[in-house]
Amino acid sequence: MPSHTIHIDDGQSFRCSDQESLLSGMEALGKKGIPVGCRNGGCGICKVAVLEGSYVSRVMSREHVSEGDEAAGRVLACRVRPSSDVHLSVIGKMKKTVCRAVEPTDVPSLST
């Protein structure tokens, strides 16, 4: 099963097979609190803009993705599977969670 590199415009990247949705791949980034909603294209939470690359899409709610949006590469990550490496921008409600900076954990000093 082919796997592709997905690049997010904030500098992160992840691997995603052509059998899983971009949303599933984003979840593998391990960030807590990624709001994933319904996973069926009905809630619009996972909206992304595909800037480069090709993908296969499934039916999406026109309430959240118009024909113009889809033609311009603005799609729901839960309804899209990559067919090549992809560069995307997170534009939906999950942008704040996916694109937030991860703070380093405080490491106690080893004072003697």
N, C-alpha and C. Protein backbone atom coordinates (compact mmCIF):
# COMPACT_ATOMS: atom_id res chain seq x y z
N MET A 1 0.85 -1.17 0.00
CA MET A 1 0.00 0.00 0.00
C MET A 1 0.90 1.24 0.00
N PRO A 2 0.83 2.05 -1.07
CA PRO A 2 1.68 3.24 -1.18
C PRO A 2 1.42 4.24 -0.06
N SER A 3 2.49 4.92 0.34
CA SER A 3 2.41 5.94 1.38
C SER A 3 3.00 7.23 0.83
N HIS A 4 2.43 8.34 1.24
CA HIS A 4 2.84 9.64 0.72
C HIS A 4 3.20 10.58 1.87
N THR A 5 4.07 11.54 1.59
CA THR A 5 4.41 12.54 2.59
C THR A 5 3.46 13.71 2.45
N ILE A 6 2.86 14.09 3.57
CA ILE A 6 1.93 15.21 3.61
C ILE A 6 2.62 16.33 4.37
N HIS A 7 2.74 17.49 3.73
CA HIS A 7 3.37 18.66 4.33
C HIS A 7 2.29 19.67 4.69
N ILE A 8 2.32 20.15 5.92
CA ILE A 8 1.41 21.21 6.36
C ILE A 8 2.18 22.51 6.27
N ASP A 9 1.52 23.58 5.88
CA ASP A 9 2.22 24.85 5.64
C ASP A 9 2.88 25.45 6.87
N ASP A 10 2.69 24.88 8.05
CA ASP A 10 3.38 25.38 9.25
C ASP A 10 4.71 24.66 9.46
N GLY A 11 5.09 23.76 8.53
CA GLY A 11 6.38 23.08 8.62
C GLY A 11 6.31 21.64 9.07
N GLN A 12 5.18 21.18 9.56
CA GLN A 12 5.03 19.79 9.98
C GLN A 12 4.82 18.91 8.76
N SER A 13 5.14 17.64 8.91
CA SER A 13 4.83 16.67 7.86
C SER A 13 4.54 15.33 8.50
N PHE A 14 3.85 14.49 7.76
CA PHE A 14 3.52 13.15 8.23
C PHE A 14 3.34 12.25 7.02
N ARG A 15 3.37 10.95 7.28
CA ARG A 15 3.14 9.96 6.23
C ARG A 15 1.68 9.54 6.26
N CYS A 16 1.13 9.30 5.08
CA CYS A 16 -0.27 8.91 4.99
C CYS A 16 -0.40 7.94 3.82
N SER A 17 -0.99 6.78 4.08
CA SER A 17 -1.16 5.80 3.00
C SER A 17 -2.29 6.27 2.08
N ASP A 18 -2.32 5.71 0.89
CA ASP A 18 -3.38 6.09 -0.04
C ASP A 18 -4.71 5.44 0.33
N GLN A 19 -4.72 4.64 1.39
CA GLN A 19 -5.95 4.00 1.85
C GLN A 19 -6.56 4.69 3.08
N GLU A 20 -5.89 5.73 3.60
CA GLU A 20 -6.42 6.44 4.76
C GLU A 20 -6.63 7.91 4.41
N SER A 21 -7.53 8.52 5.14
CA SER A 21 -7.83 9.93 4.89
C SER A 21 -6.70 10.83 5.43
N LEU A 22 -6.64 12.02 4.89
CA LEU A 22 -5.67 13.00 5.42
C LEU A 22 -5.92 13.25 6.90
N LEU A 23 -7.17 13.24 7.31
CA LEU A 23 -7.50 13.46 8.72
C LEU A 23 -6.89 12.36 9.60
N SER A 24 -6.99 11.12 9.17
CA SER A 24 -6.38 10.02 9.94
C SER A 24 -4.89 10.22 10.08
N GLY A 25 -4.26 10.65 9.00
CA GLY A 25 -2.83 10.93 9.06
C GLY A 25 -2.49 12.05 10.01
N MET A 26 -3.31 13.11 10.01
CA MET A 26 -3.09 14.24 10.94
C MET A 26 -3.19 13.78 12.38
N GLU A 27 -4.13 12.90 12.65
CA GLU A 27 -4.28 12.38 14.01
C GLU A 27 -3.01 11.67 14.46
N ALA A 28 -2.30 11.06 13.53
CA ALA A 28 -1.06 10.36 13.87
C ALA A 28 0.05 11.32 14.29
N LEU A 29 -0.14 12.64 14.08
CA LEU A 29 0.84 13.61 14.56
C LEU A 29 0.93 13.57 16.09
N GLY A 30 -0.11 13.04 16.73
CA GLY A 30 -0.09 12.88 18.17
C GLY A 30 -0.43 14.12 18.97
N LYS A 31 -1.00 15.13 18.31
CA LYS A 31 -1.37 16.34 19.05
C LYS A 31 -2.67 16.11 19.79
N LYS A 32 -2.69 16.50 21.03
CA LYS A 32 -3.89 16.33 21.83
C LYS A 32 -4.94 17.35 21.39
N GLY A 33 -6.19 16.92 21.41
CA GLY A 33 -7.29 17.83 21.18
C GLY A 33 -7.61 18.15 19.73
N ILE A 34 -7.12 17.35 18.77
CA ILE A 34 -7.51 17.61 17.39
C ILE A 34 -9.00 17.34 17.28
N PRO A 35 -9.78 18.37 16.98
CA PRO A 35 -11.23 18.16 16.87
C PRO A 35 -11.54 17.49 15.55
N VAL A 36 -12.04 16.27 15.60
CA VAL A 36 -12.25 15.54 14.37
C VAL A 36 -13.70 15.45 13.94
N GLY A 37 -14.63 15.82 14.78
CA GLY A 37 -16.02 15.86 14.37
C GLY A 37 -16.58 14.52 13.94
N CYS A 38 -17.34 14.54 12.86
CA CYS A 38 -18.13 13.37 12.46
C CYS A 38 -17.36 12.34 11.65
N ARG A 39 -16.27 12.72 10.98
CA ARG A 39 -15.46 11.85 10.12
C ARG A 39 -16.18 11.41 8.85
N ASN A 40 -17.31 12.03 8.54
CA ASN A 40 -18.08 11.63 7.36
C ASN A 40 -18.38 12.80 6.43
N GLY A 41 -17.73 13.92 6.59
CA GLY A 41 -17.94 15.04 5.69
C GLY A 41 -19.12 15.92 6.00
N GLY A 42 -19.75 15.72 7.13
CA GLY A 42 -20.95 16.48 7.44
C GLY A 42 -20.78 17.67 8.36
N CYS A 43 -19.66 17.74 9.10
CA CYS A 43 -19.54 18.81 10.11
C CYS A 43 -18.65 19.97 9.66
N GLY A 44 -17.71 19.73 8.75
CA GLY A 44 -16.86 20.81 8.24
C GLY A 44 -15.68 21.19 9.10
N ILE A 45 -15.47 20.52 10.21
CA ILE A 45 -14.38 20.89 11.12
C ILE A 45 -13.01 20.74 10.47
N CYS A 46 -12.83 19.74 9.63
CA CYS A 46 -11.50 19.39 9.13
C CYS A 46 -11.18 19.99 7.76
N LYS A 47 -11.64 21.18 7.48
CA LYS A 47 -11.42 21.79 6.16
C LYS A 47 -9.95 22.16 5.96
N VAL A 48 -9.43 21.77 4.81
CA VAL A 48 -8.05 22.07 4.44
C VAL A 48 -8.03 22.59 3.00
N ALA A 49 -6.94 23.25 2.65
CA ALA A 49 -6.72 23.67 1.27
C ALA A 49 -5.52 22.89 0.75
N VAL A 50 -5.73 22.09 -0.28
CA VAL A 50 -4.63 21.35 -0.89
C VAL A 50 -3.93 22.30 -1.85
N LEU A 51 -2.69 22.64 -1.53
CA LEU A 51 -1.92 23.60 -2.31
C LEU A 51 -1.17 22.94 -3.45
N GLU A 52 -0.72 21.71 -3.22
CA GLU A 52 0.00 20.93 -4.25
C GLU A 52 -0.29 19.47 -4.02
N GLY A 53 -0.26 18.70 -5.09
CA GLY A 53 -0.43 17.26 -4.99
C GLY A 53 -1.80 16.82 -5.48
N SER A 54 -1.94 15.51 -5.57
CA SER A 54 -3.21 14.96 -6.05
C SER A 54 -3.83 14.08 -4.97
N TYR A 55 -5.13 13.93 -5.09
CA TYR A 55 -5.89 13.19 -4.10
C TYR A 55 -7.16 12.64 -4.73
N VAL A 56 -7.76 11.70 -4.02
CA VAL A 56 -9.05 11.14 -4.38
C VAL A 56 -10.02 11.59 -3.31
N SER A 57 -11.15 12.15 -3.73
CA SER A 57 -12.11 12.64 -2.73
C SER A 57 -13.42 11.87 -2.82
N ARG A 58 -14.09 11.85 -1.69
CA ARG A 58 -15.41 11.25 -1.60
C ARG A 58 -16.42 12.39 -1.43
N VAL A 59 -17.68 12.08 -1.43
CA VAL A 59 -18.74 13.08 -1.34
C VAL A 59 -18.60 13.89 -0.05
N MET A 60 -18.73 15.22 -0.19
CA MET A 60 -18.66 16.14 0.94
C MET A 60 -19.93 16.97 1.00
N SER A 61 -20.31 17.38 2.18
CA SER A 61 -21.49 18.22 2.37
C SER A 61 -21.30 19.57 1.68
N ARG A 62 -22.21 19.95 0.82
CA ARG A 62 -22.15 21.26 0.15
C ARG A 62 -22.42 22.40 1.14
N GLU A 63 -22.88 22.06 2.31
CA GLU A 63 -23.03 23.07 3.36
C GLU A 63 -21.67 23.59 3.81
N HIS A 64 -20.64 22.73 3.70
CA HIS A 64 -19.31 23.09 4.17
C HIS A 64 -18.29 23.27 3.05
N VAL A 65 -18.52 22.62 1.92
CA VAL A 65 -17.59 22.71 0.79
C VAL A 65 -18.42 22.93 -0.48
N SER A 66 -18.35 24.13 -1.00
CA SER A 66 -19.09 24.44 -2.23
C SER A 66 -18.37 23.81 -3.43
N GLU A 67 -19.02 23.80 -4.57
CA GLU A 67 -18.38 23.30 -5.79
C GLU A 67 -17.13 24.13 -6.10
N GLY A 68 -17.22 25.45 -5.86
CA GLY A 68 -16.07 26.33 -6.07
C GLY A 68 -14.92 26.02 -5.13
N ASP A 69 -15.27 25.76 -3.86
CA ASP A 69 -14.25 25.37 -2.88
C ASP A 69 -13.53 24.11 -3.36
N GLU A 70 -14.31 23.11 -3.72
CA GLU A 70 -13.73 21.84 -4.11
C GLU A 70 -12.85 22.00 -5.36
N ALA A 71 -13.30 22.79 -6.31
CA ALA A 71 -12.52 23.03 -7.53
C ALA A 71 -11.20 23.73 -7.22
N ALA A 72 -11.19 24.55 -6.15
CA ALA A 72 -9.99 25.28 -5.74
C ALA A 72 -9.12 24.48 -4.76
N GLY A 73 -9.50 23.23 -4.46
CA GLY A 73 -8.71 22.39 -3.57
C GLY A 73 -9.05 22.54 -2.11
N ARG A 74 -10.12 23.27 -1.78
CA ARG A 74 -10.55 23.38 -0.39
C ARG A 74 -11.53 22.24 -0.12
N VAL A 75 -11.08 21.28 0.68
CA VAL A 75 -11.81 20.03 0.89
C VAL A 75 -11.82 19.66 2.37
N LEU A 76 -12.56 18.62 2.70
CA LEU A 76 -12.58 18.11 4.06
C LEU A 76 -11.58 16.97 4.17
N ALA A 77 -10.66 17.08 5.10
CA ALA A 77 -9.58 16.09 5.25
C ALA A 77 -10.10 14.69 5.52
N CYS A 78 -11.28 14.57 6.11
CA CYS A 78 -11.85 13.25 6.39
C CYS A 78 -12.34 12.56 5.12
N ARG A 79 -12.52 13.30 4.04
CA ARG A 79 -13.07 12.75 2.81
C ARG A 79 -12.06 12.67 1.68
N VAL A 80 -10.77 12.86 1.99
CA VAL A 80 -9.74 12.92 0.97
C VAL A 80 -8.62 11.95 1.31
N ARG A 81 -8.20 11.17 0.30
CA ARG A 81 -7.06 10.27 0.43
C ARG A 81 -5.99 10.72 -0.56
N PRO A 82 -4.73 10.78 -0.14
CA PRO A 82 -3.68 11.24 -1.06
C PRO A 82 -3.36 10.21 -2.13
N SER A 83 -3.06 10.69 -3.33
CA SER A 83 -2.57 9.80 -4.39
C SER A 83 -1.17 10.23 -4.83
N SER A 84 -0.61 11.21 -4.12
CA SER A 84 0.77 11.67 -4.31
C SER A 84 1.17 12.38 -3.03
N ASP A 85 2.40 12.88 -2.96
CA ASP A 85 2.76 13.76 -1.86
C ASP A 85 1.86 14.98 -1.95
N VAL A 86 1.49 15.54 -0.81
CA VAL A 86 0.54 16.66 -0.76
C VAL A 86 1.10 17.76 0.13
N HIS A 87 0.89 19.01 -0.27
CA HIS A 87 1.18 20.17 0.56
C HIS A 87 -0.16 20.83 0.84
N LEU A 88 -0.49 21.00 2.11
CA LEU A 88 -1.80 21.56 2.45
C LEU A 88 -1.71 22.64 3.51
N SER A 89 -2.78 23.40 3.59
CA SER A 89 -2.95 24.42 4.61
C SER A 89 -4.21 24.08 5.38
N VAL A 90 -4.14 24.06 6.70
CA VAL A 90 -5.32 23.79 7.52
C VAL A 90 -6.10 25.09 7.63
N ILE A 91 -7.34 25.10 7.16
CA ILE A 91 -8.13 26.33 7.17
C ILE A 91 -9.41 26.21 7.99
N GLY A 92 -9.73 25.01 8.41
CA GLY A 92 -10.96 24.80 9.17
C GLY A 92 -10.79 25.10 10.64
N LYS A 93 -11.77 24.65 11.40
CA LYS A 93 -11.80 24.91 12.84
C LYS A 93 -10.65 24.24 13.58
N MET A 94 -9.99 23.26 12.97
CA MET A 94 -8.91 22.59 13.68
C MET A 94 -7.56 23.25 13.46
N LYS A 95 -7.50 24.36 12.73
CA LYS A 95 -6.23 25.05 12.48
C LYS A 95 -5.51 25.40 13.78
N LYS A 96 -6.26 25.92 14.74
CA LYS A 96 -5.64 26.33 16.01
C LYS A 96 -4.98 25.15 16.72
N THR A 97 -5.57 23.98 16.64
CA THR A 97 -5.03 22.81 17.32
C THR A 97 -3.89 22.17 16.54
N VAL A 98 -4.07 21.97 15.24
CA VAL A 98 -3.06 21.29 14.43
C VAL A 98 -1.81 22.15 14.28
N CYS A 99 -1.98 23.44 14.12
CA CYS A 99 -0.85 24.32 13.81
C CYS A 99 -0.26 25.03 15.02
N ARG A 100 -0.72 24.68 16.21
CA ARG A 100 -0.15 25.34 17.39
C ARG A 100 1.26 24.84 17.65
N ALA A 101 2.06 25.70 18.21
CA ALA A 101 3.43 25.33 18.58
C ALA A 101 3.38 24.44 19.81
N VAL A 102 4.21 23.44 19.82
CA VAL A 102 4.30 22.55 20.97
C VAL A 102 5.37 23.11 21.89
N GLU A 103 4.99 23.37 23.12
CA GLU A 103 5.92 23.92 24.11
C GLU A 103 6.79 22.81 24.66
N PRO A 104 8.10 23.05 24.78
CA PRO A 104 8.95 22.03 25.39
C PRO A 104 8.58 21.86 26.85
N THR A 105 8.69 20.64 27.33
CA THR A 105 8.36 20.41 28.74
C THR A 105 9.50 20.90 29.60
N ASP A 106 9.17 21.34 30.77
CA ASP A 106 10.19 21.78 31.72
C ASP A 106 10.95 20.58 32.23
N VAL A 107 12.24 20.64 32.16
CA VAL A 107 13.09 19.56 32.66
C VAL A 107 13.72 20.05 33.95
N PRO A 108 13.51 19.33 35.05
CA PRO A 108 14.10 19.78 36.32
C PRO A 108 15.61 19.76 36.24
N SER A 109 16.19 20.74 36.86
CA SER A 109 17.66 20.80 36.86
C SER A 109 18.21 19.73 37.81
N LEU A 110 19.40 19.33 37.53
CA LEU A 110 20.04 18.31 38.35
C LEU A 110 21.03 18.97 39.30
N SER A 111 20.56 19.92 40.07
CA SER A 111 21.42 20.64 41.02
C SER A 111 21.83 19.70 42.14
N THR A 112 23.03 19.90 42.60
CA THR A 112 23.51 19.09 43.74
C THR A 112 23.54 19.91 44.99
